Amino acid sequence: MYPSEETLERIKNWDLTTSHVSELLDYVEQFWTYPDRFVRSKHKLYLSTGGWSGNEDIVRALMQNRLFWLLYWHSSQRGGHYWFNDSLCADELKGFTQSKKRWARKSTTR
């Protein structure tokens, strides 16, 4: 399912000063097509868009979330490959593993 404009806006404006990064990633993951290309571990995240424009829009929304991008982006490679880590973050901001709170995916059409 293609992410709605509302979904992309929510990602762009996600406030990481009041929520943990794992909550943002829990939200993003439910809209990511090709779940095998959304790879999380405690301190690392790998995203591959698979060339799908919906995933590319999600990455652009993450780029526009400046705090997320400044704190977590590590490197990118041509072809839609992105690596993130939390090595520059304070201990309380670390960890990409899933939070206990799960978001309900809404059925929307574009």
PDB file of N, CA and C in Angstrom:
ATOM      1  N   MET A   1       0.839  -1.174   0.000  1.00  0.00           N
ATOM      2  CA  MET A   1       0.000   0.000   0.000  1.00  0.00           C
ATOM      3  C   MET A   1       0.893   1.250   0.000  1.00  0.00           C
ATOM      4  N   TYR A   2       0.528   2.198  -0.818  1.00  0.00           N
ATOM      5  CA  TYR A   2       1.290   3.434  -0.911  1.00  0.00           C
ATOM      6  C   TYR A   2       1.014   4.305   0.316  1.00  0.00           C
ATOM      7  N   PRO A   3       2.061   4.899   0.922  1.00  0.00           N
ATOM      8  CA  PRO A   3       1.825   5.743   2.100  1.00  0.00           C
ATOM      9  C   PRO A   3       1.063   7.013   1.719  1.00  0.00           C
ATOM     10  N   SER A   4       0.089   7.366   2.541  1.00  0.00           N
ATOM     11  CA  SER A   4      -0.713   8.562   2.277  1.00  0.00           C
ATOM     12  C   SER A   4       0.097   9.816   2.600  1.00  0.00           C
ATOM     13  N   GLU A   5      -0.394  10.942   2.126  1.00  0.00           N
ATOM     14  CA  GLU A   5       0.244  12.220   2.452  1.00  0.00           C
ATOM     15  C   GLU A   5       0.235  12.455   3.959  1.00  0.00           C
ATOM     16  N   GLU A   6      -0.845  12.036   4.611  1.00  0.00           N
ATOM     17  CA  GLU A   6      -0.943  12.165   6.068  1.00  0.00           C
ATOM     18  C   GLU A   6       0.159  11.348   6.757  1.00  0.00           C
ATOM     19  N   THR A   7       0.396  10.135   6.269  1.00  0.00           N
ATOM     20  CA  THR A   7       1.450   9.288   6.823  1.00  0.00           C
ATOM     21  C   THR A   7       2.813   9.934   6.653  1.00  0.00           C
ATOM     22  N   LEU A   8       3.083  10.438   5.465  1.00  0.00           N
ATOM     23  CA  LEU A   8       4.380  11.071   5.192  1.00  0.00           C
ATOM     24  C   LEU A   8       4.568  12.323   6.044  1.00  0.00           C
ATOM     25  N   GLU A   9       3.519  13.105   6.207  1.00  0.00           N
ATOM     26  CA  GLU A   9       3.601  14.299   7.055  1.00  0.00           C
ATOM     27  C   GLU A   9       3.879  13.917   8.510  1.00  0.00           C
ATOM     28  N   ARG A  10       3.248  12.856   8.952  1.00  0.00           N
ATOM     29  CA  ARG A  10       3.465  12.416  10.331  1.00  0.00           C
ATOM     30  C   ARG A  10       4.926  12.006  10.540  1.00  0.00           C
ATOM     31  N   ILE A  11       5.506  11.321   9.563  1.00  0.00           N
ATOM     32  CA  ILE A  11       6.918  10.929   9.640  1.00  0.00           C
ATOM     33  C   ILE A  11       7.808  12.167   9.658  1.00  0.00           C
ATOM     34  N   LYS A  12       7.550  13.106   8.761  1.00  0.00           N
ATOM     35  CA  LYS A  12       8.346  14.340   8.699  1.00  0.00           C
ATOM     36  C   LYS A  12       8.316  15.105  10.012  1.00  0.00           C
ATOM     37  N   ASN A  13       7.157  15.122  10.644  1.00  0.00           N
ATOM     38  CA  ASN A  13       6.960  15.951  11.841  1.00  0.00           C
ATOM     39  C   ASN A  13       7.043  15.169  13.148  1.00  0.00           C
ATOM     40  N   TRP A  14       7.462  13.928  13.097  1.00  0.00           N
ATOM     41  CA  TRP A  14       7.543  13.106  14.306  1.00  0.00           C
ATOM     42  C   TRP A  14       8.498  13.774  15.293  1.00  0.00           C
ATOM     43  N   ASP A  15       8.055  13.972  16.508  1.00  0.00           N
ATOM     44  CA  ASP A  15       8.842  14.682  17.516  1.00  0.00           C
ATOM     45  C   ASP A  15       9.674  13.695  18.328  1.00  0.00           C
ATOM     46  N   LEU A  16      10.954  13.640  18.012  1.00  0.00           N
ATOM     47  CA  LEU A  16      11.853  12.735  18.717  1.00  0.00           C
ATOM     48  C   LEU A  16      12.309  13.291  20.061  1.00  0.00           C
ATOM     49  N   THR A  17      11.871  14.483  20.403  1.00  0.00           N
ATOM     50  CA  THR A  17      12.181  15.003  21.739  1.00  0.00           C
ATOM     51  C   THR A  17      11.170  14.497  22.764  1.00  0.00           C
ATOM     52  N   THR A  18      10.034  13.967  22.288  1.00  0.00           N
ATOM     53  CA  THR A  18       9.003  13.468  23.208  1.00  0.00           C
ATOM     54  C   THR A  18       8.703  11.984  23.038  1.00  0.00           C
ATOM     55  N   SER A  19       9.339  11.320  22.072  1.00  0.00           N
ATOM     56  CA  SER A  19       9.125   9.887  21.877  1.00  0.00           C
ATOM     57  C   SER A  19      10.444   9.233  21.486  1.00  0.00           C
ATOM     58  N   HIS A  20      10.513   7.950  21.675  1.00  0.00           N
ATOM     59  CA  HIS A  20      11.725   7.193  21.368  1.00  0.00           C
ATOM     60  C   HIS A  20      11.783   6.889  19.873  1.00  0.00           C
ATOM     61  N   VAL A  21      12.979   6.803  19.345  1.00  0.00           N
ATOM     62  CA  VAL A  21      13.153   6.529  17.919  1.00  0.00           C
ATOM     63  C   VAL A  21      12.511   5.203  17.516  1.00  0.00           C
ATOM     64  N   SER A  22      12.479   4.234  18.419  1.00  0.00           N
ATOM     65  CA  SER A  22      11.867   2.947  18.070  1.00  0.00           C
ATOM     66  C   SER A  22      10.380   3.107  17.756  1.00  0.00           C
ATOM     67  N   GLU A  23       9.718   4.075  18.382  1.00  0.00           N
ATOM     68  CA  GLU A  23       8.300   4.311  18.089  1.00  0.00           C
ATOM     69  C   GLU A  23       8.121   4.840  16.669  1.00  0.00           C
ATOM     70  N   LEU A  24       8.994   5.741  16.256  1.00  0.00           N
ATOM     71  CA  LEU A  24       8.955   6.228  14.872  1.00  0.00           C
ATOM     72  C   LEU A  24       9.176   5.071  13.903  1.00  0.00           C
ATOM     73  N   LEU A  25      10.155   4.235  14.189  1.00  0.00           N
ATOM     74  CA  LEU A  25      10.448   3.126  13.285  1.00  0.00           C
ATOM     75  C   LEU A  25       9.348   2.082  13.274  1.00  0.00           C
ATOM     76  N   ASP A  26       8.683   1.869  14.417  1.00  0.00           N
ATOM     77  CA  ASP A  26       7.519   0.980  14.435  1.00  0.00           C
ATOM     78  C   ASP A  26       6.450   1.499  13.486  1.00  0.00           C
ATOM     79  N   TYR A  27       6.249   2.804  13.515  1.00  0.00           N
ATOM     80  CA  TYR A  27       5.244   3.422  12.643  1.00  0.00           C
ATOM     81  C   TYR A  27       5.647   3.285  11.173  1.00  0.00           C
ATOM     82  N   VAL A  28       6.894   3.618  10.861  1.00  0.00           N
ATOM     83  CA  VAL A  28       7.378   3.556   9.476  1.00  0.00           C
ATOM     84  C   VAL A  28       7.315   2.127   8.941  1.00  0.00           C
ATOM     85  N   GLU A  29       7.702   1.182   9.758  1.00  0.00           N
ATOM     86  CA  GLU A  29       7.797  -0.209   9.303  1.00  0.00           C
ATOM     87  C   GLU A  29       6.469  -0.756   8.780  1.00  0.00           C
ATOM     88  N   GLN A  30       5.376  -0.330   9.365  1.00  0.00           N
ATOM     89  CA  GLN A  30       4.087  -0.866   8.923  1.00  0.00           C
ATOM     90  C   GLN A  30       3.697  -0.389   7.524  1.00  0.00           C
ATOM     91  N   PHE A  31       4.326   0.661   7.030  1.00  0.00           N
ATOM     92  CA  PHE A  31       4.029   1.170   5.687  1.00  0.00           C
ATOM     93  C   PHE A  31       5.099   0.775   4.672  1.00  0.00           C
ATOM     94  N   TRP A  32       6.157   0.124   5.137  1.00  0.00           N
ATOM     95  CA  TRP A  32       7.290  -0.230   4.278  1.00  0.00           C
ATOM     96  C   TRP A  32       6.943  -1.456   3.448  1.00  0.00           C
ATOM     97  N   THR A  33       7.009  -1.327   2.147  1.00  0.00           N
ATOM     98  CA  THR A  33       6.827  -2.469   1.266  1.00  0.00           C
ATOM     99  C   THR A  33       8.167  -3.187   1.189  1.00  0.00           C
ATOM    100  N   TYR A  34       8.157  -4.494   1.093  1.00  0.00           N
ATOM    101  CA  TYR A  34       9.336  -5.353   1.131  1.00  0.00           C
ATOM    102  C   TYR A  34       9.925  -5.384   2.547  1.00  0.00           C
ATOM    103  N   PRO A  35       9.234  -6.004   3.484  1.00  0.00           N
ATOM    104  CA  PRO A  35       9.690  -6.031   4.884  1.00  0.00           C
ATOM    105  C   PRO A  35      11.078  -6.627   5.073  1.00  0.00           C
ATOM    106  N   ASP A  36      11.529  -7.482   4.146  1.00  0.00           N
ATOM    107  CA  ASP A  36      12.871  -8.047   4.278  1.00  0.00           C
ATOM    108  C   ASP A  36      13.953  -7.007   3.993  1.00  0.00           C
ATOM    109  N   ARG A  37      13.547  -5.819   3.544  1.00  0.00           N
ATOM    110  CA  ARG A  37      14.497  -4.731   3.278  1.00  0.00           C
ATOM    111  C   ARG A  37      14.390  -3.628   4.330  1.00  0.00           C
ATOM    112  N   PHE A  38      13.782  -3.962   5.441  1.00  0.00           N
ATOM    113  CA  PHE A  38      13.685  -3.084   6.611  1.00  0.00           C
ATOM    114  C   PHE A  38      14.272  -3.902   7.760  1.00  0.00           C
ATOM    115  N   VAL A  39      15.576  -3.753   7.990  1.00  0.00           N
ATOM    116  CA  VAL A  39      16.302  -4.637   8.897  1.00  0.00           C
ATOM    117  C   VAL A  39      16.757  -3.834  10.118  1.00  0.00           C
ATOM    118  N   ARG A  40      16.226  -4.227  11.278  1.00  0.00           N
ATOM    119  CA  ARG A  40      16.519  -3.534  12.525  1.00  0.00           C
ATOM    120  C   ARG A  40      17.306  -4.427  13.468  1.00  0.00           C
ATOM    121  N   SER A  41      18.223  -3.798  14.173  1.00  0.00           N
ATOM    122  CA  SER A  41      18.856  -4.448  15.315  1.00  0.00           C
ATOM    123  C   SER A  41      18.889  -3.399  16.422  1.00  0.00           C
ATOM    124  N   LYS A  42      19.490  -3.734  17.529  1.00  0.00           N
ATOM    125  CA  LYS A  42      19.441  -2.824  18.669  1.00  0.00           C
ATOM    126  C   LYS A  42      20.008  -1.447  18.341  1.00  0.00           C
ATOM    127  N   HIS A  43      21.095  -1.400  17.603  1.00  0.00           N
ATOM    128  CA  HIS A  43      21.760  -0.120  17.345  1.00  0.00           C
ATOM    129  C   HIS A  43      21.926   0.216  15.865  1.00  0.00           C
ATOM    130  N   LYS A  44      21.368  -0.599  14.983  1.00  0.00           N
ATOM    131  CA  LYS A  44      21.538  -0.370  13.549  1.00  0.00           C
ATOM    132  C   LYS A  44      20.225  -0.582  12.809  1.00  0.00           C
ATOM    133  N   LEU A  45      20.108   0.131  11.689  1.00  0.00           N
ATOM    134  CA  LEU A  45      18.952   0.009  10.815  1.00  0.00           C
ATOM    135  C   LEU A  45      19.437   0.051   9.380  1.00  0.00           C
ATOM    136  N   TYR A  46      18.924  -0.871   8.559  1.00  0.00           N
ATOM    137  CA  TYR A  46      19.208  -0.869   7.130  1.00  0.00           C
ATOM    138  C   TYR A  46      17.885  -0.797   6.388  1.00  0.00           C
ATOM    139  N   LEU A  47      17.779   0.144   5.455  1.00  0.00           N
ATOM    140  CA  LEU A  47      16.605   0.283   4.606  1.00  0.00           C
ATOM    141  C   LEU A  47      17.033   0.178   3.149  1.00  0.00           C
ATOM    142  N   SER A  48      16.294  -0.582   2.395  1.00  0.00           N
ATOM    143  CA  SER A  48      16.482  -0.645   0.953  1.00  0.00           C
ATOM    144  C   SER A  48      15.106  -0.449   0.329  1.00  0.00           C
ATOM    145  N   THR A  49      14.993   0.536  -0.525  1.00  0.00           N
ATOM    146  CA  THR A  49      13.685   0.878  -1.082  1.00  0.00           C
ATOM    147  C   THR A  49      13.179  -0.144  -2.083  1.00  0.00           C
ATOM    148  N   GLY A  50      14.065  -0.954  -2.637  1.00  0.00           N
ATOM    149  CA  GLY A  50      13.649  -1.922  -3.643  1.00  0.00           C
ATOM    150  C   GLY A  50      13.153  -1.236  -4.911  1.00  0.00           C
ATOM    151  N   GLY A  51      13.448   0.054  -5.034  1.00  0.00           N
ATOM    152  CA  GLY A  51      13.019   0.808  -6.207  1.00  0.00           C
ATOM    153  C   GLY A  51      11.564   1.239  -6.172  1.00  0.00           C
ATOM    154  N   TRP A  52      10.852   0.898  -5.092  1.00  0.00           N
ATOM    155  CA  TRP A  52       9.439   1.247  -5.017  1.00  0.00           C
ATOM    156  C   TRP A  52       9.273   2.692  -4.569  1.00  0.00           C
ATOM    157  N   SER A  53       8.494   3.461  -5.303  1.00  0.00           N
ATOM    158  CA  SER A  53       8.353   4.895  -5.044  1.00  0.00           C
ATOM    159  C   SER A  53       7.751   5.195  -3.672  1.00  0.00           C
ATOM    160  N   GLY A  54       6.887   4.329  -3.160  1.00  0.00           N
ATOM    161  CA  GLY A  54       6.326   4.540  -1.828  1.00  0.00           C
ATOM    162  C   GLY A  54       7.404   4.490  -0.755  1.00  0.00           C
ATOM    163  N   ASN A  55       8.322   3.527  -0.867  1.00  0.00           N
ATOM    164  CA  ASN A  55       9.437   3.453   0.074  1.00  0.00           C
ATOM    165  C   ASN A  55      10.363   4.656  -0.090  1.00  0.00           C
ATOM    166  N   GLU A  56      10.560   5.082  -1.316  1.00  0.00           N
ATOM    167  CA  GLU A  56      11.405   6.257  -1.560  1.00  0.00           C
ATOM    168  C   GLU A  56      10.783   7.506  -0.945  1.00  0.00           C
ATOM    169  N   ASP A  57       9.466   7.623  -1.006  1.00  0.00           N
ATOM    170  CA  ASP A  57       8.788   8.743  -0.351  1.00  0.00           C
ATOM    171  C   ASP A  57       8.956   8.686   1.164  1.00  0.00           C
ATOM    172  N   ILE A  58       8.925   7.494   1.729  1.00  0.00           N
ATOM    173  CA  ILE A  58       9.135   7.353   3.166  1.00  0.00           C
ATOM    174  C   ILE A  58      10.551   7.805   3.537  1.00  0.00           C
ATOM    175  N   VAL A  59      11.540   7.408   2.752  1.00  0.00           N
ATOM    176  CA  VAL A  59      12.920   7.835   3.032  1.00  0.00           C
ATOM    177  C   VAL A  59      13.025   9.354   2.929  1.00  0.00           C
ATOM    178  N   ARG A  60      12.381   9.955   1.927  1.00  0.00           N
ATOM    179  CA  ARG A  60      12.405  11.426   1.813  1.00  0.00           C
ATOM    180  C   ARG A  60      11.766  12.074   3.037  1.00  0.00           C
ATOM    181  N   ALA A  61      10.685  11.480   3.544  1.00  0.00           N
ATOM    182  CA  ALA A  61      10.047  12.015   4.753  1.00  0.00           C
ATOM    183  C   ALA A  61      10.998  11.899   5.943  1.00  0.00           C
ATOM    184  N   LEU A  62      11.719  10.775   6.049  1.00  0.00           N
ATOM    185  CA  LEU A  62      12.710  10.636   7.118  1.00  0.00           C
ATOM    186  C   LEU A  62      13.823  11.671   6.975  1.00  0.00           C
ATOM    187  N   MET A  63      14.242  11.946   5.741  1.00  0.00           N
ATOM    188  CA  MET A  63      15.268  12.973   5.504  1.00  0.00           C
ATOM    189  C   MET A  63      14.790  14.340   5.984  1.00  0.00           C
ATOM    190  N   GLN A  64      13.510  14.601   5.794  1.00  0.00           N
ATOM    191  CA  GLN A  64      12.957  15.896   6.183  1.00  0.00           C
ATOM    192  C   GLN A  64      12.703  15.996   7.681  1.00  0.00           C
ATOM    193  N   ASN A  65      12.759  14.868   8.373  1.00  0.00           N
ATOM    194  CA  ASN A  65      12.721  14.886   9.830  1.00  0.00           C
ATOM    195  C   ASN A  65      14.167  15.123  10.258  1.00  0.00           C
ATOM    196  N   ARG A  66      14.531  16.368  10.387  1.00  0.00           N
ATOM    197  CA  ARG A  66      15.939  16.740  10.545  1.00  0.00           C
ATOM    198  C   ARG A  66      16.605  16.118  11.758  1.00  0.00           C
ATOM    199  N   LEU A  67      15.897  16.040  12.868  1.00  0.00           N
ATOM    200  CA  LEU A  67      16.504  15.466  14.055  1.00  0.00           C
ATOM    201  C   LEU A  67      16.821  13.987  13.833  1.00  0.00           C
ATOM    202  N   PHE A  68      15.883  13.245  13.248  1.00  0.00           N
ATOM    203  CA  PHE A  68      16.147  11.841  12.940  1.00  0.00           C
ATOM    204  C   PHE A  68      17.366  11.723  12.039  1.00  0.00           C
ATOM    205  N   TRP A  69      17.383  12.484  10.950  1.00  0.00           N
ATOM    206  CA  TRP A  69      18.455  12.345   9.964  1.00  0.00           C
ATOM    207  C   TRP A  69      19.805  12.750  10.550  1.00  0.00           C
ATOM    208  N   LEU A  70      19.845  13.829  11.307  1.00  0.00           N
ATOM    209  CA  LEU A  70      21.105  14.283  11.906  1.00  0.00           C
ATOM    210  C   LEU A  70      21.643  13.298  12.942  1.00  0.00           C
ATOM    211  N   LEU A  71      20.754  12.715  13.731  1.00  0.00           N
ATOM    212  CA  LEU A  71      21.203  11.823  14.796  1.00  0.00           C
ATOM    213  C   LEU A  71      21.521  10.412  14.322  1.00  0.00           C
ATOM    214  N   TYR A  72      20.815   9.918  13.309  1.00  0.00           N
ATOM    215  CA  TYR A  72      20.876   8.488  13.011  1.00  0.00           C
ATOM    216  C   TYR A  72      21.432   8.111  11.638  1.00  0.00           C
ATOM    217  N   TRP A  73      21.376   8.988  10.650  1.00  0.00           N
ATOM    218  CA  TRP A  73      21.853   8.612   9.318  1.00  0.00           C
ATOM    219  C   TRP A  73      23.351   8.338   9.358  1.00  0.00           C
ATOM    220  N   HIS A  74      23.753   7.243   8.734  1.00  0.00           N
ATOM    221  CA  HIS A  74      25.171   6.884   8.676  1.00  0.00           C
ATOM    222  C   HIS A  74      25.705   6.989   7.259  1.00  0.00           C
ATOM    223  N   SER A  75      25.035   6.329   6.308  1.00  0.00           N
ATOM    224  CA  SER A  75      25.495   6.385   4.923  1.00  0.00           C
ATOM    225  C   SER A  75      24.382   5.942   3.985  1.00  0.00           C
ATOM    226  N   SER A  76      24.591   6.267   2.728  1.00  0.00           N
ATOM    227  CA  SER A  76      23.655   5.888   1.666  1.00  0.00           C
ATOM    228  C   SER A  76      24.453   5.371   0.489  1.00  0.00           C
ATOM    229  N   GLN A  77      23.818   4.550  -0.300  1.00  0.00           N
ATOM    230  CA  GLN A  77      24.442   4.040  -1.511  1.00  0.00           C
ATOM    231  C   GLN A  77      23.440   4.138  -2.646  1.00  0.00           C
ATOM    232  N   ARG A  78      23.936   4.473  -3.816  1.00  0.00           N
ATOM    233  CA  ARG A  78      23.087   4.551  -4.986  1.00  0.00           C
ATOM    234  C   ARG A  78      22.292   3.265  -5.136  1.00  0.00           C
ATOM    235  N   GLY A  79      21.041   3.411  -5.512  1.00  0.00           N
ATOM    236  CA  GLY A  79      20.171   2.260  -5.656  1.00  0.00           C
ATOM    237  C   GLY A  79      19.177   2.125  -4.511  1.00  0.00           C
ATOM    238  N   GLY A  80      19.118   3.141  -3.628  1.00  0.00           N
ATOM    239  CA  GLY A  80      18.120   3.144  -2.571  1.00  0.00           C
ATOM    240  C   GLY A  80      18.492   2.377  -1.322  1.00  0.00           C
ATOM    241  N   HIS A  81      19.783   2.407  -0.967  1.00  0.00           N
ATOM    242  CA  HIS A  81      20.260   1.719   0.228  1.00  0.00           C
ATOM    243  C   HIS A  81      20.670   2.747   1.279  1.00  0.00           C
ATOM    244  N   TYR A  82      20.179   2.553   2.513  1.00  0.00           N
ATOM    245  CA  TYR A  82      20.426   3.516   3.594  1.00  0.00           C
ATOM    246  C   TYR A  82      20.785   2.766   4.864  1.00  0.00           C
ATOM    247  N   TRP A  83      21.821   3.250   5.544  1.00  0.00           N
ATOM    248  CA  TRP A  83      22.248   2.686   6.816  1.00  0.00           C
ATOM    249  C   TRP A  83      22.157   3.761   7.886  1.00  0.00           C
ATOM    250  N   PHE A  84      21.692   3.353   9.051  1.00  0.00           N
ATOM    251  CA  PHE A  84      21.533   4.250  10.184  1.00  0.00           C
ATOM    252  C   PHE A  84      22.132   3.567  11.410  1.00  0.00           C
ATOM    253  N   ASN A  85      22.660   4.371  12.334  1.00  0.00           N
ATOM    254  CA  ASN A  85      23.093   3.831  13.622  1.00  0.00           C
ATOM    255  C   ASN A  85      22.952   4.915  14.679  1.00  0.00           C
ATOM    256  N   ASP A  86      23.082   4.514  15.913  1.00  0.00           N
ATOM    257  CA  ASP A  86      22.879   5.456  17.009  1.00  0.00           C
ATOM    258  C   ASP A  86      24.170   5.749  17.779  1.00  0.00           C
ATOM    259  N   SER A  87      25.314   5.617  17.113  1.00  0.00           N
ATOM    260  CA  SER A  87      26.596   5.794  17.800  1.00  0.00           C
ATOM    261  C   SER A  87      26.826   7.218  18.297  1.00  0.00           C
ATOM    262  N   LEU A  88      26.150   8.202  17.739  1.00  0.00           N
ATOM    263  CA  LEU A  88      26.332   9.593  18.163  1.00  0.00           C
ATOM    264  C   LEU A  88      25.323  10.028  19.217  1.00  0.00           C
ATOM    265  N   CYS A  89      24.457   9.121  19.639  1.00  0.00           N
ATOM    266  CA  CYS A  89      23.346   9.489  20.517  1.00  0.00           C
ATOM    267  C   CYS A  89      23.631   9.161  21.978  1.00  0.00           C
ATOM    268  N   ALA A  90      22.982   9.922  22.834  1.00  0.00           N
ATOM    269  CA  ALA A  90      23.021   9.634  24.263  1.00  0.00           C
ATOM    270  C   ALA A  90      22.342   8.291  24.518  1.00  0.00           C
ATOM    271  N   ASP A  91      22.709   7.651  25.614  1.00  0.00           N
ATOM    272  CA  ASP A  91      22.192   6.313  25.908  1.00  0.00           C
ATOM    273  C   ASP A  91      20.673   6.235  25.887  1.00  0.00           C
ATOM    274  N   GLU A  92      19.990   7.245  26.372  1.00  0.00           N
ATOM    275  CA  GLU A  92      18.528   7.182  26.417  1.00  0.00           C
ATOM    276  C   GLU A  92      17.892   7.286  25.031  1.00  0.00           C
ATOM    277  N   LEU A  93      18.653   7.684  24.029  1.00  0.00           N
ATOM    278  CA  LEU A  93      18.134   7.778  22.665  1.00  0.00           C
ATOM    279  C   LEU A  93      18.512   6.566  21.810  1.00  0.00           C
ATOM    280  N   LYS A  94      19.299   5.672  22.355  1.00  0.00           N
ATOM    281  CA  LYS A  94      19.789   4.529  21.588  1.00  0.00           C
ATOM    282  C   LYS A  94      18.735   3.445  21.446  1.00  0.00           C
ATOM    283  N   GLY A  95      18.907   2.646  20.417  1.00  0.00           N
ATOM    284  CA  GLY A  95      18.095   1.440  20.262  1.00  0.00           C
ATOM    285  C   GLY A  95      17.005   1.555  19.224  1.00  0.00           C
ATOM    286  N   PHE A  96      17.141   0.806  18.164  1.00  0.00           N
ATOM    287  CA  PHE A  96      16.150   0.789  17.097  1.00  0.00           C
ATOM    288  C   PHE A  96      15.169  -0.362  17.252  1.00  0.00           C
ATOM    289  N   THR A  97      15.361  -1.207  18.253  1.00  0.00           N
ATOM    290  CA  THR A  97      14.471  -2.356  18.405  1.00  0.00           C
ATOM    291  C   THR A  97      13.055  -1.881  18.670  1.00  0.00           C
ATOM    292  N   GLN A  98      12.106  -2.731  18.352  1.00  0.00           N
ATOM    293  CA  GLN A  98      10.700  -2.355  18.422  1.00  0.00           C
ATOM    294  C   GLN A  98      10.275  -2.003  19.836  1.00  0.00           C
ATOM    295  N   SER A  99       9.439  -0.996  19.912  1.00  0.00           N
ATOM    296  CA  SER A  99       8.866  -0.623  21.204  1.00  0.00           C
ATOM    297  C   SER A  99       7.656  -1.500  21.475  1.00  0.00           C
ATOM    298  N   LYS A 100       7.151  -1.445  22.678  1.00  0.00           N
ATOM    299  CA  LYS A 100       5.989  -2.254  23.038  1.00  0.00           C
ATOM    300  C   LYS A 100       4.716  -1.730  22.405  1.00  0.00           C
ATOM    301  N   LYS A 101       4.678  -0.450  22.126  1.00  0.00           N
ATOM    302  CA  LYS A 101       3.491   0.165  21.530  1.00  0.00           C
ATOM    303  C   LYS A 101       3.517  -0.083  20.023  1.00  0.00           C
ATOM    304  N   ARG A 102       2.458  -0.623  19.492  1.00  0.00           N
ATOM    305  CA  ARG A 102       2.349  -0.869  18.055  1.00  0.00           C
ATOM    306  C   ARG A 102       1.281   0.031  17.470  1.00  0.00           C
ATOM    307  N   TRP A 103       1.507   0.505  16.293  1.00  0.00           N
ATOM    308  CA  TRP A 103       0.564   1.407  15.617  1.00  0.00           C
ATOM    309  C   TRP A 103      -0.376   0.598  14.761  1.00  0.00           C
ATOM    310  N   ALA A 104      -1.616   1.003  14.732  1.00  0.00           N
ATOM    311  CA  ALA A 104      -2.616   0.346  13.874  1.00  0.00           C
ATOM    312  C   ALA A 104      -2.501   0.924  12.476  1.00  0.00           C
ATOM    313  N   ARG A 105      -2.306   0.063  11.503  1.00  0.00           N
ATOM    314  CA  ARG A 105      -2.189   0.511  10.122  1.00  0.00           C
ATOM    315  C   ARG A 105      -3.567   0.851   9.595  1.00  0.00           C
ATOM    316  N   LYS A 106      -3.686   2.037   9.047  1.00  0.00           N
ATOM    317  CA  LYS A 106      -4.958   2.475   8.492  1.00  0.00           C
ATOM    318  C   LYS A 106      -4.992   2.157   7.006  1.00  0.00           C
ATOM    319  N   SER A 107      -6.134   1.758   6.555  1.00  0.00           N
ATOM    320  CA  SER A 107      -6.325   1.485   5.133  1.00  0.00           C
ATOM    321  C   SER A 107      -6.683   2.802   4.443  1.00  0.00           C
ATOM    322  N   THR A 108      -5.759   3.288   3.631  1.00  0.00           N
ATOM    323  CA  THR A 108      -6.003   4.526   2.894  1.00  0.00           C
ATOM    324  C   THR A 108      -5.599   4.329   1.445  1.00  0.00           C
ATOM    325  N   THR A 109      -6.211   5.068   0.592  1.00  0.00           N
ATOM    326  CA  THR A 109      -5.833   5.038  -0.820  1.00  0.00           C
ATOM    327  C   THR A 109      -5.346   6.409  -1.211  1.00  0.00           C
ATOM    328  N   ARG A 110      -4.554   6.438  -2.176  1.00  0.00           N
ATOM    329  CA  ARG A 110      -3.957   7.686  -2.626  1.00  0.00           C
ATOM    330  C   ARG A 110      -4.690   8.208  -3.811  1.00  0.00           C
TER     331      ARG A 110
END
